[in-house]
Amino acid sequence: MEIKKKALFNEKGDYELTKRRMINGNTTNLNDFNNIKYTWVSDWYRTAMNNFWIPEEINMNQDIKDYRNLDKYEKDAYDKVLSFLIFLDSIQTANLPNIGDYTTANEVNLCLTIQAYQEAIHSQSYSYILDTIASPEERTDILYLWRDDEHLLKRNKFIGDIYNQFVENPNTDTYMKVIVGNYILEGIYFYSGFMFFYNLGRMGKMPGTVQEIRYINRDENTHLWLFRNIILELRKEHPEFFTEEKLEEYRDMLREGVRQEIEWGKYAIGDNIQGLTTGMVQDYIEYLGNLRSRGLGLGDLFDTNKDEPESMKWVSQYSDPNEIKTDFFEGKPSAYSKSTVFEDDL
């Protein structure tokens, strides 16, 4: 099915809410906060705006020392996982406008714009981390590891190719795949990467990096919630995108995302990191896969790990979005929730 790029200036666009559509609508692009069809946007928008933070406010002094004292396996994993996250946030910043070009619900486009802005802040935070703890040579090696490491390049191509296919051949099929691919990236890939840094934190290492990741995690929680809602709204408006055959395609994409993430965990983390084993990593990623699949109404992907594994309960404690705020007047982290935020129960 054809998907139409929205007009930029459209004086004959529809203003009636009943005619507004996620895609292939006739939008005026007028942002009117008092008249929105997708009422969940109001809470999402205010939550996302209240999540404002500044990467440089976080003290990295301990990380400078800790980074030099990480053992070979920890440093190797730190560099690999960080490089992966750097790439993911970079491609998100670049690709979200492509999705916005075909999204004809102006209030949802506002959300996509805020998300792109936050992804750019995440990239800034990674640069701040690298500039603080690494030499210029190490910084360059880590930044481009995603291109030079064969395994990591293969990982990135899975999502990158999905994104490219939509840009090169925009239609409703490639659009749905880019939306589901985004959901996988936000809800499985990012969360798996965050888990490694939280493990360092519970071992008393790299506290500055951990705090940066917690702020990023809080943002990504809202991004995940956004794309879940986009998919659920599309299911209401376009049931033809959600036939049993299509649903199985989306399940297969989720399964493949989980499979690749598990293989990546075995490669990047392995069994030589204090506090983590490849078995723990696999259990957690399978749990994420089940959780994300259920969030779309697709049921569980696996018979195992339907609930959060007992051995990984500490991840939720570190990523709890209600415990994160930066007090910019004092320049230090404090446990205070500025606003009600979305729980990661998707």
Protein backbone atom coordinates (compact mmCIF):
# COMPACT_ATOMS: atom_id res chain seq x y z
CA MET A 1 0.00 0.00 0.00
CA GLU A 2 1.21 3.50 -0.84
CA ILE A 3 2.29 5.86 1.92
CA LYS A 4 2.13 9.57 1.24
CA LYS A 5 4.68 12.09 2.44
CA LYS A 6 2.95 14.88 4.29
CA ALA A 7 2.75 18.32 2.74
CA LEU A 8 4.67 21.05 4.54
CA PHE A 9 2.29 23.93 3.83
CA ASN A 10 -1.26 22.71 3.35
CA GLU A 11 -3.98 25.32 3.54
CA LYS A 12 -6.60 22.73 2.53
CA GLY A 13 -5.68 20.30 5.28
CA ASP A 14 -8.27 18.80 7.62
CA TYR A 15 -8.74 20.34 11.03
CA GLU A 16 -11.49 18.01 12.27
CA LEU A 17 -10.07 15.54 14.82
CA THR A 18 -12.20 12.72 13.43
CA LYS A 19 -10.27 12.93 10.16
CA ARG A 20 -6.81 12.90 11.73
CA ARG A 21 -4.72 9.80 10.96
CA MET A 22 -1.33 8.50 12.01
CA ILE A 23 -0.35 8.11 8.34
CA ASN A 24 -1.92 9.13 5.01
CA GLY A 25 -3.94 11.88 6.65
CA ASN A 26 -4.43 15.41 5.34
CA THR A 27 -2.64 17.44 8.01
CA THR A 28 -2.31 21.22 8.22
CA ASN A 29 0.79 20.78 10.46
CA LEU A 30 -0.75 23.27 12.88
CA ASN A 31 0.28 22.53 16.46
CA ASP A 32 -2.79 23.09 18.61
CA PHE A 33 -2.31 21.72 22.13
CA ASN A 34 -5.98 22.17 22.94
CA ASN A 35 -7.19 19.96 20.11
CA ILE A 36 -5.46 16.60 19.90
CA LYS A 37 -6.88 13.28 18.77
CA TYR A 38 -4.38 11.05 20.53
CA THR A 39 -5.00 12.16 24.11
CA TRP A 40 -2.09 10.14 25.54
CA VAL A 41 0.24 12.62 23.82
CA SER A 42 -0.49 15.25 26.47
CA ASP A 43 0.97 13.15 29.32
CA TRP A 44 3.83 11.92 27.15
CA TYR A 45 4.79 15.44 26.07
CA ARG A 46 4.90 16.86 29.59
CA THR A 47 6.80 13.88 30.95
CA ALA A 48 9.39 14.09 28.17
CA MET A 49 9.82 17.83 28.67
CA ASN A 50 10.28 17.37 32.42
CA ASN A 51 13.08 14.89 31.77
CA PHE A 52 15.48 17.68 30.87
CA TRP A 53 19.08 17.09 31.98
CA ILE A 54 22.61 18.23 31.15
CA PRO A 55 25.31 15.56 30.66
CA GLU A 56 28.16 17.77 31.92
CA GLU A 57 26.45 18.19 35.30
CA ILE A 58 27.49 14.66 36.25
CA ASN A 59 30.82 14.24 38.03
CA MET A 60 33.15 11.85 36.20
CA ASN A 61 36.22 12.14 38.47
CA GLN A 62 35.88 8.62 39.85
CA ASP A 63 35.39 7.21 36.35
CA ILE A 64 38.73 8.63 35.22
CA LYS A 65 40.43 6.48 37.88
CA ASP A 66 38.14 3.47 37.51
CA TYR A 67 38.53 3.25 33.73
CA ARG A 68 42.29 2.72 34.13
CA ASN A 69 41.65 0.04 36.75
CA LEU A 70 39.08 -2.01 34.84
CA ASP A 71 40.43 -5.44 34.04
CA LYS A 72 40.92 -6.53 30.42
CA TYR A 73 37.46 -8.11 30.14
CA GLU A 74 35.64 -5.21 31.76
CA LYS A 75 37.37 -2.59 29.61
CA ASP A 76 36.80 -4.59 26.43
CA ALA A 77 33.10 -4.96 27.23
CA TYR A 78 32.80 -1.31 28.31
CA ASP A 79 34.25 -0.11 25.01
CA LYS A 80 32.15 -2.46 22.87
CA VAL A 81 28.83 -1.80 24.60
CA LEU A 82 29.43 1.96 24.68
CA SER A 83 30.28 1.96 20.96
CA PHE A 84 27.04 0.12 20.24
CA LEU A 85 24.97 2.65 22.21
CA ILE A 86 26.76 5.54 20.49
CA PHE A 87 25.77 4.15 17.11
CA LEU A 88 22.16 3.48 18.13
CA ASP A 89 21.56 7.00 19.41
CA SER A 90 23.25 8.49 16.36
CA ILE A 91 21.12 6.57 13.87
CA GLN A 92 18.00 7.38 15.87
CA THR A 93 18.73 11.10 15.68
CA ALA A 94 19.16 10.80 11.91
CA ASN A 95 16.18 8.54 11.21
CA LEU A 96 13.36 10.00 13.31
CA PRO A 97 12.79 12.90 10.86
CA ASN A 98 12.28 10.28 8.12
CA ILE A 99 9.45 8.77 10.14
CA GLY A 100 8.07 12.24 10.86
CA ASP A 101 7.93 13.00 7.13
CA TYR A 102 5.16 10.42 6.77
CA THR A 103 3.43 10.89 10.14
CA THR A 104 0.32 12.98 9.60
CA ALA A 105 -0.76 13.34 13.24
CA ASN A 106 0.86 16.64 14.14
CA GLU A 107 0.78 15.99 17.90
CA VAL A 108 2.71 12.74 17.38
CA ASN A 109 5.22 14.60 15.24
CA LEU A 110 5.83 16.90 18.21
CA CYS A 111 6.77 13.83 20.22
CA LEU A 112 9.10 12.55 17.50
CA THR A 113 10.82 15.95 17.44
CA ILE A 114 11.38 15.88 21.19
CA GLN A 115 12.70 12.33 20.94
CA ALA A 116 15.21 13.35 18.25
CA TYR A 117 16.37 16.20 20.49
CA GLN A 118 16.84 13.79 23.41
CA GLU A 119 18.74 11.31 21.25
CA ALA A 120 21.11 14.16 20.37
CA ILE A 121 21.63 14.84 24.10
CA HIS A 122 22.47 11.17 24.55
CA SER A 123 25.13 11.48 21.86
CA GLN A 124 26.47 14.52 23.68
CA SER A 125 26.63 12.51 26.91
CA TYR A 126 28.67 9.76 25.26
CA SER A 127 31.10 12.36 23.91
CA TYR A 128 31.39 13.84 27.38
CA ILE A 129 32.14 10.40 28.84
CA LEU A 130 34.80 9.65 26.22
CA ASP A 131 36.39 13.09 26.40
CA THR A 132 36.69 12.70 30.18
CA ILE A 133 37.98 9.16 30.62
CA ALA A 134 39.76 8.29 27.38
CA SER A 135 42.75 9.51 25.41
CA PRO A 136 42.07 10.98 21.94
CA GLU A 137 43.27 7.73 20.37
CA GLU A 138 41.05 5.59 22.62
CA ARG A 139 38.13 7.92 21.95
CA THR A 140 38.44 7.49 18.17
CA ASP A 141 38.83 3.71 18.47
CA ILE A 142 35.66 3.43 20.57
CA LEU A 143 33.64 5.81 18.39
CA TYR A 144 34.34 3.78 15.25
CA LEU A 145 34.43 0.33 16.79
CA TRP A 146 30.90 -0.20 15.45
CA ARG A 147 32.37 -0.05 11.94
CA ASP A 148 35.64 -1.89 12.55
CA ASP A 149 34.38 -4.78 14.70
CA GLU A 150 32.86 -7.38 12.36
CA HIS A 151 30.38 -8.67 14.93
CA LEU A 152 29.22 -5.21 15.92
CA LEU A 153 28.88 -4.11 12.29
CA LYS A 154 26.65 -7.12 11.63
CA ARG A 155 24.50 -6.14 14.63
CA ASN A 156 24.07 -2.61 13.41
CA LYS A 157 23.20 -3.70 9.88
CA PHE A 158 20.06 -5.48 11.11
CA ILE A 159 18.46 -2.22 12.21
CA GLY A 160 20.33 -0.01 9.73
CA ASP A 161 19.11 -2.02 6.74
CA ILE A 162 15.50 -1.83 7.97
CA TYR A 163 15.83 1.94 8.26
CA ASN A 164 17.47 2.25 4.83
CA GLN A 165 14.78 0.16 3.14
CA PHE A 166 12.14 2.60 4.31
CA VAL A 167 14.13 5.63 3.12
CA GLU A 168 14.81 4.03 -0.27
CA ASN A 169 11.35 2.52 -0.79
CA PRO A 170 8.72 4.14 1.43
CA ASN A 171 5.49 2.17 1.55
CA THR A 172 3.27 0.89 4.33
CA ASP A 173 5.18 -2.40 4.57
CA THR A 174 8.60 -0.75 5.05
CA TYR A 175 6.98 1.85 7.32
CA MET A 176 5.62 -0.81 9.67
CA LYS A 177 8.99 -2.55 9.71
CA VAL A 178 10.80 0.68 10.58
CA ILE A 179 8.31 1.34 13.38
CA VAL A 180 8.68 -2.18 14.81
CA GLY A 181 12.47 -1.98 14.30
CA ASN A 182 12.45 1.23 16.33
CA TYR A 183 10.50 -0.51 19.08
CA ILE A 184 13.09 -3.32 19.14
CA LEU A 185 15.94 -0.83 19.30
CA GLU A 186 14.36 1.18 22.10
CA GLY A 187 13.01 -1.73 24.12
CA ILE A 188 15.59 -4.51 23.74
CA TYR A 189 18.89 -3.20 22.39
CA PHE A 190 19.14 -0.14 24.63
CA TYR A 191 17.96 -1.97 27.74
CA SER A 192 20.43 -4.79 27.23
CA GLY A 193 23.29 -2.29 26.92
CA PHE A 194 22.17 -0.40 30.02
CA MET A 195 22.22 -3.65 31.98
CA PHE A 196 25.99 -4.04 31.53
CA PHE A 197 26.69 -0.58 32.96
CA TYR A 198 24.33 -1.14 35.88
CA ASN A 199 26.32 -4.25 36.72
CA LEU A 200 29.49 -2.15 36.87
CA GLY A 201 27.61 0.22 39.17
CA ARG A 202 26.61 -2.48 41.62
CA MET A 203 30.26 -3.51 41.72
CA GLY A 204 31.13 0.07 42.76
CA LYS A 205 32.73 0.99 39.43
CA MET A 206 32.22 3.85 36.92
CA PRO A 207 29.53 5.73 38.92
CA GLY A 208 29.50 8.73 36.58
CA THR A 209 28.88 6.56 33.53
CA VAL A 210 26.14 4.73 35.42
CA GLN A 211 24.41 8.00 36.29
CA GLU A 212 24.57 9.18 32.66
CA ILE A 213 23.06 5.85 31.60
CA ARG A 214 20.26 6.18 34.15
CA TYR A 215 19.21 9.53 32.65
CA ILE A 216 19.40 8.07 29.15
CA ASN A 217 17.37 5.06 30.32
CA ARG A 218 14.67 7.37 31.66
CA ASP A 219 14.39 9.08 28.26
CA GLU A 220 14.37 5.78 26.37
CA ASN A 221 11.53 4.59 28.57
CA THR A 222 9.35 7.39 27.18
CA HIS A 223 10.55 6.68 23.62
CA LEU A 224 9.58 3.06 24.00
CA TRP A 225 6.17 4.09 25.30
CA LEU A 226 5.76 6.44 22.32
CA PHE A 227 6.42 3.79 19.69
CA ARG A 228 4.26 1.25 21.45
CA ASN A 229 1.36 3.72 21.31
CA ILE A 230 2.03 4.52 17.65
CA ILE A 231 1.85 0.81 16.81
CA LEU A 232 -1.34 0.31 18.83
CA GLU A 233 -3.00 3.32 17.16
CA LEU A 234 -2.01 2.01 13.74
CA ARG A 235 -3.61 -1.30 14.64
CA LYS A 236 -6.91 0.51 15.24
CA GLU A 237 -6.72 2.60 12.08
CA HIS A 238 -5.21 0.01 9.74
CA PRO A 239 -6.17 -3.55 10.74
CA GLU A 240 -4.89 -4.68 7.34
CA PHE A 241 -1.35 -4.10 8.67
CA PHE A 242 -2.05 -6.60 11.46
CA THR A 243 -3.24 -9.77 9.76
CA GLU A 244 -2.02 -12.99 11.34
CA GLU A 245 0.66 -13.20 8.65
CA LYS A 246 1.86 -9.68 9.45
CA LEU A 247 1.73 -10.32 13.20
CA GLU A 248 4.01 -13.31 12.72
CA GLU A 249 6.39 -11.11 10.75
CA TYR A 250 6.58 -8.71 13.68
CA ARG A 251 7.11 -11.60 16.12
CA ASP A 252 9.91 -12.88 13.91
CA MET A 253 11.53 -9.44 13.96
CA LEU A 254 11.37 -9.42 17.77
CA ARG A 255 12.77 -12.97 17.95
CA GLU A 256 15.62 -12.03 15.64
CA GLY A 257 16.35 -8.95 17.71
CA VAL A 258 16.50 -11.10 20.84
CA ARG A 259 18.67 -13.73 19.13
CA GLN A 260 21.17 -11.14 17.93
CA GLU A 261 21.26 -9.41 21.31
CA ILE A 262 21.99 -12.69 23.09
CA GLU A 263 24.79 -13.50 20.64
CA TRP A 264 26.17 -10.00 21.13
CA GLY A 265 26.05 -10.40 24.90
CA LYS A 266 28.00 -13.65 24.70
CA TYR A 267 30.59 -11.96 22.49
CA ALA A 268 30.91 -8.57 24.18
CA ILE A 269 30.38 -9.56 27.83
CA GLY A 270 31.14 -13.27 28.02
CA ASP A 271 31.67 -15.12 31.30
CA ASN A 272 34.62 -13.16 32.69
CA ILE A 273 32.78 -10.13 34.08
CA GLN A 274 32.24 -10.00 37.84
CA GLY A 275 28.52 -10.23 38.62
CA LEU A 276 27.39 -11.37 35.16
CA THR A 277 27.26 -14.62 33.22
CA THR A 278 26.09 -15.32 29.69
CA GLY A 279 23.25 -17.33 31.22
CA MET A 280 22.08 -14.28 33.17
CA VAL A 281 22.35 -12.14 30.05
CA GLN A 282 20.30 -14.60 28.00
CA ASP A 283 17.61 -14.86 30.67
CA TYR A 284 17.29 -11.08 30.86
CA ILE A 285 17.12 -10.55 27.10
CA GLU A 286 14.52 -13.30 26.68
CA TYR A 287 12.52 -11.60 29.42
CA LEU A 288 12.77 -8.29 27.53
CA GLY A 289 11.62 -10.02 24.34
CA ASN A 290 8.57 -11.47 26.07
CA LEU A 291 7.79 -8.14 27.75
CA ARG A 292 7.99 -6.15 24.52
CA SER A 293 5.99 -8.71 22.56
CA ARG A 294 3.22 -8.70 25.17
CA GLY A 295 3.25 -4.90 25.07
CA LEU A 296 2.10 -5.09 21.45
CA GLY A 297 -0.49 -7.76 22.18
CA LEU A 298 1.59 -10.44 20.41
CA GLY A 299 1.88 -12.82 23.36
CA ASP A 300 5.10 -14.33 24.71
CA LEU A 301 7.94 -15.22 22.34
CA PHE A 302 9.48 -17.80 24.67
CA ASP A 303 8.18 -20.30 27.18
CA THR A 304 10.96 -19.32 29.58
CA ASN A 305 11.63 -16.01 31.37
CA LYS A 306 8.09 -14.68 31.22
CA ASP A 307 8.79 -12.84 34.47
CA GLU A 308 11.86 -10.82 35.42
CA PRO A 309 14.60 -13.33 36.34
CA GLU A 310 15.43 -13.34 40.05
CA SER A 311 19.13 -13.04 39.24
CA MET A 312 18.48 -9.76 37.37
CA LYS A 313 16.17 -7.92 39.78
CA TRP A 314 18.91 -5.37 40.42
CA VAL A 315 18.51 -3.98 36.87
CA SER A 316 15.06 -2.60 37.71
CA GLN A 317 16.41 -0.97 40.85
CA TYR A 318 19.03 0.94 38.87
CA SER A 319 16.69 1.89 36.04
CA ASP A 320 13.72 3.01 38.17
CA PRO A 321 12.75 6.29 36.45
CA ASN A 322 11.11 7.67 39.58
CA GLU A 323 14.44 7.81 41.39
CA ILE A 324 16.29 10.02 38.92
CA LYS A 325 16.72 13.77 38.89
CA THR A 326 19.60 16.21 38.65
CA ASP A 327 19.57 19.17 41.02
CA PHE A 328 21.25 21.75 38.79
CA PHE A 329 21.57 24.26 41.62
CA GLU A 330 23.69 21.87 43.64
CA GLY A 331 25.24 20.18 40.64
CA LYS A 332 24.76 16.69 41.99
CA PRO A 333 22.32 13.83 41.54
CA SER A 334 19.48 13.49 44.01
CA ALA A 335 16.60 11.04 44.35
CA TYR A 336 13.60 13.18 43.54
CA SER A 337 10.95 12.69 40.91
CA LYS A 338 10.17 15.93 39.14
CA SER A 339 7.02 14.50 37.61
CA THR A 340 5.13 11.27 37.28
CA VAL A 341 6.97 9.11 34.75
CA PHE A 342 6.04 6.00 32.83
CA GLU A 343 6.85 2.73 34.51
CA ASP A 344 8.60 0.24 32.26
CA ASP A 345 5.83 -2.34 32.29
CA LEU A 346 5.42 -2.36 28.52
